[in-house]
Amino acid sequence: MYEPSGHRLTPVDPDVPQRMTRLRELGLGQGPDGELDALARDLAETARQIVGSEHPPFAMVNFVTDQQYLAGLYAPSVPGADPAGAVELGREVPLDHGYCPHVVVRRKALVLDDVCDYPRFAGNPVVDKLGIRTYAGAPLIDRTGTVLGTICIIDREPRPWGHPGLNLIKERAADLMQLVRRREGLPG
């Protein structure tokens, strides 16, 4: 059984070998993907409209193996923000950073309006290192039943996602899996 190192609250994920094989078959998670970056940008803008924010949140398509790989990434610059407080997101993220590994193991969407309201999630390194305060993510489950990763939104301010945010993230996960099917040459 695969046991990730790092943060003690990172869930044990026995499906990593199967997921790695499936991602290789699909050619996903090998590098940045312009189409997935565009999808993440669109997700961030739609999420911004839902919560009525001035600036869009971060959005990503994350394939989870023995690390997290952000094949699709939108990281906005915040006008007027102090450059010293800027958030730099790379494409590779340790398993103990963030909430996507929980979504993958649960196989269900997870919405946290304010991560600090949940003791299990408040101690995650992204809270202190990046100032992350909100998360909405859904699993990417392919036609074989394999959870490939997640599509998610994060931000540095608490956000009242509610049902509109949950519905948005689940709809975008379904849209993304249709894209994967088309890339496989299967009908959408």
Protein backbone atom coordinates (compact mmCIF):
# COMPACT_ATOMS: atom_id res chain seq x y z
CA MET A 1 0.00 0.00 0.00
CA TYR A 2 1.28 3.46 -0.92
CA GLU A 3 1.87 5.71 2.09
CA PRO A 4 2.81 9.30 1.33
CA SER A 5 5.42 11.02 3.41
CA GLY A 6 4.91 14.44 4.87
CA HIS A 7 1.92 15.95 6.61
CA ARG A 8 0.27 13.53 9.00
CA LEU A 9 -3.17 14.42 7.69
CA THR A 10 -2.43 13.39 4.10
CA PRO A 11 -4.73 10.47 3.33
CA VAL A 12 -3.36 7.05 2.42
CA ASP A 13 -4.02 6.44 -1.28
CA PRO A 14 -3.82 2.81 -2.39
CA ASP A 15 -4.75 3.68 -6.00
CA VAL A 16 -1.57 5.57 -6.93
CA PRO A 17 -0.04 2.77 -9.10
CA GLN A 18 -3.27 2.32 -11.07
CA ARG A 19 -3.66 6.09 -11.45
CA MET A 20 -0.07 6.51 -12.68
CA THR A 21 -0.62 3.82 -15.32
CA ARG A 22 -3.88 5.38 -16.47
CA LEU A 23 -2.42 8.89 -16.66
CA ARG A 24 0.45 7.56 -18.81
CA GLU A 25 -2.06 5.82 -21.11
CA LEU A 26 -3.96 9.09 -21.48
CA GLY A 27 -0.82 11.23 -21.85
CA LEU A 28 -1.93 13.44 -18.97
CA GLY A 29 0.15 15.02 -16.25
CA GLN A 30 3.37 14.86 -18.26
CA GLY A 31 3.67 18.63 -18.65
CA PRO A 32 1.74 21.88 -18.79
CA ASP A 33 -1.30 21.72 -21.04
CA GLY A 34 -2.50 24.89 -22.74
CA GLU A 35 -6.05 23.63 -23.10
CA LEU A 36 -6.19 22.80 -19.38
CA ASP A 37 -4.66 26.20 -18.52
CA ALA A 38 -7.47 27.86 -20.51
CA LEU A 39 -10.05 25.72 -18.74
CA ALA A 40 -8.58 26.75 -15.37
CA ARG A 41 -8.65 30.44 -16.38
CA ASP A 42 -12.31 30.16 -17.39
CA LEU A 43 -13.15 28.35 -14.13
CA ALA A 44 -11.48 31.11 -12.10
CA GLU A 45 -13.40 33.84 -13.89
CA THR A 46 -16.72 32.03 -13.48
CA ALA A 47 -15.98 31.42 -9.79
CA ARG A 48 -15.16 35.11 -9.36
CA GLN A 49 -18.59 35.98 -10.70
CA ILE A 50 -20.33 33.50 -8.39
CA VAL A 51 -18.86 35.00 -5.23
CA GLY A 52 -18.84 38.58 -6.51
CA SER A 53 -15.12 39.07 -5.95
CA GLU A 54 -12.98 41.84 -7.43
CA HIS A 55 -10.30 39.38 -8.45
CA PRO A 56 -10.50 35.79 -9.66
CA PRO A 57 -9.28 32.96 -7.43
CA PHE A 58 -6.59 30.45 -8.37
CA ALA A 59 -7.86 27.48 -10.37
CA MET A 60 -6.16 24.28 -11.39
CA VAL A 61 -6.41 20.85 -12.95
CA ASN A 62 -4.37 18.62 -10.68
CA PHE A 63 -3.23 15.06 -11.44
CA VAL A 64 -2.34 13.28 -8.20
CA THR A 65 0.24 10.48 -8.07
CA ASP A 66 3.22 10.36 -5.69
CA GLN A 67 3.06 14.16 -5.98
CA GLN A 68 0.54 16.65 -7.34
CA TYR A 69 1.03 17.97 -10.86
CA LEU A 70 -0.87 21.07 -11.96
CA ALA A 71 -1.25 20.41 -15.69
CA GLY A 72 -3.81 23.21 -15.86
CA LEU A 73 -3.11 26.33 -13.81
CA TYR A 74 -4.47 29.83 -13.47
CA ALA A 75 -2.70 31.99 -10.88
CA PRO A 76 -3.95 35.58 -11.06
CA SER A 77 -1.98 38.64 -10.22
CA VAL A 78 -3.82 40.85 -7.78
CA PRO A 79 -3.72 44.55 -8.77
CA GLY A 80 -2.19 46.70 -6.05
CA ALA A 81 -0.98 43.70 -4.05
CA ASP A 82 2.35 43.87 -2.27
CA PRO A 83 4.83 41.89 -4.45
CA ALA A 84 6.41 40.55 -1.24
CA GLY A 85 3.09 38.84 -0.49
CA ALA A 86 2.68 37.38 -3.98
CA VAL A 87 1.79 33.72 -4.25
CA GLU A 88 4.02 31.70 -6.54
CA LEU A 89 2.57 28.38 -7.60
CA GLY A 90 4.75 25.92 -9.39
CA ARG A 91 3.40 22.98 -11.35
CA GLU A 92 4.69 20.34 -8.90
CA VAL A 93 3.24 20.31 -5.40
CA PRO A 94 3.97 17.89 -2.51
CA LEU A 95 1.10 15.63 -1.47
CA ASP A 96 0.84 17.21 1.95
CA HIS A 97 0.15 20.68 0.48
CA GLY A 98 -3.52 21.31 -0.16
CA TYR A 99 -6.75 19.40 -0.19
CA CYS A 100 -6.81 17.61 -3.55
CA PRO A 101 -5.42 14.32 -2.17
CA HIS A 102 -8.45 14.22 0.15
CA VAL A 103 -10.83 14.68 -2.79
CA VAL A 104 -9.07 11.92 -4.75
CA VAL A 105 -9.30 9.39 -1.90
CA ARG A 106 -12.90 10.40 -0.99
CA ARG A 107 -13.99 10.32 -4.65
CA LYS A 108 -16.35 13.19 -3.81
CA ALA A 109 -16.33 16.96 -4.14
CA LEU A 110 -15.10 19.00 -1.18
CA VAL A 111 -16.05 22.62 -0.54
CA LEU A 112 -14.46 24.56 2.32
CA ASP A 113 -15.70 28.15 2.52
CA ASP A 114 -13.00 28.85 5.13
CA VAL A 115 -10.41 26.11 5.68
CA CYS A 116 -9.70 27.54 9.13
CA ASP A 117 -13.19 26.47 10.25
CA TYR A 118 -12.12 22.82 9.92
CA PRO A 119 -9.43 21.63 12.36
CA ARG A 120 -8.52 18.75 10.04
CA PHE A 121 -7.73 21.16 7.21
CA ALA A 122 -6.65 24.34 9.04
CA GLY A 123 -3.18 22.92 9.80
CA ASN A 124 -2.35 22.23 6.16
CA PRO A 125 0.94 23.84 5.05
CA VAL A 126 -0.79 25.89 2.32
CA VAL A 127 -2.56 27.94 5.00
CA ASP A 128 0.71 29.30 6.42
CA LYS A 129 2.92 29.15 3.32
CA LEU A 130 0.47 30.55 0.75
CA GLY A 131 -2.27 32.08 2.88
CA ILE A 132 -4.94 29.81 1.37
CA ARG A 133 -8.30 30.21 3.08
CA THR A 134 -10.85 28.62 0.75
CA TYR A 135 -11.08 25.50 -1.41
CA ALA A 136 -13.59 23.92 -3.78
CA GLY A 137 -12.58 20.76 -5.64
CA ALA A 138 -14.12 17.81 -7.44
CA PRO A 139 -12.63 14.47 -8.50
CA LEU A 140 -11.85 13.66 -12.12
CA ILE A 141 -13.16 10.11 -12.56
CA ASP A 142 -12.56 8.58 -15.97
CA ARG A 143 -14.58 5.96 -17.84
CA THR A 144 -12.60 3.14 -16.15
CA GLY A 145 -13.56 4.41 -12.68
CA THR A 146 -10.03 5.67 -12.02
CA VAL A 147 -9.76 8.97 -10.15
CA LEU A 148 -7.13 10.85 -12.15
CA GLY A 149 -6.99 13.94 -9.96
CA THR A 150 -9.09 17.03 -9.34
CA ILE A 151 -10.26 20.30 -10.69
CA CYS A 152 -10.23 22.95 -7.99
CA ILE A 153 -10.41 26.56 -6.93
CA ILE A 154 -8.41 28.09 -4.07
CA ASP A 155 -8.14 31.63 -2.77
CA ARG A 156 -6.52 33.69 -0.04
CA GLU A 157 -9.87 34.93 1.29
CA PRO A 158 -12.78 32.88 2.66
CA ARG A 159 -15.49 32.49 0.02
CA PRO A 160 -19.16 31.57 0.45
CA TRP A 161 -19.29 28.94 -2.31
CA GLY A 162 -22.64 27.41 -1.33
CA HIS A 163 -24.54 25.30 -3.83
CA PRO A 164 -23.55 27.50 -6.80
CA GLY A 165 -19.85 26.84 -6.11
CA LEU A 166 -20.41 23.13 -5.55
CA ASN A 167 -22.45 22.85 -8.74
CA LEU A 168 -19.83 24.81 -10.70
CA ILE A 169 -16.92 22.60 -9.64
CA LYS A 170 -18.87 19.39 -10.30
CA GLU A 171 -20.01 20.63 -13.73
CA ARG A 172 -16.48 21.58 -14.70
CA ALA A 173 -15.21 18.15 -13.60
CA ALA A 174 -17.80 16.54 -15.87
CA ASP A 175 -16.83 18.88 -18.75
CA LEU A 176 -13.16 18.03 -18.26
CA MET A 177 -13.85 14.31 -18.35
CA GLN A 178 -15.71 14.82 -21.66
CA LEU A 179 -12.55 16.51 -22.96
CA VAL A 180 -10.50 13.49 -21.84
CA ARG A 181 -12.92 11.16 -23.66
CA ARG A 182 -12.58 13.21 -26.86
CA ARG A 183 -8.78 13.07 -26.55
CA GLU A 184 -9.09 9.28 -26.28
CA GLY A 185 -11.03 9.35 -29.56
CA LEU A 186 -14.27 8.35 -27.82
CA PRO A 187 -17.59 10.11 -28.27
CA GLY A 188 -18.15 12.89 -25.70
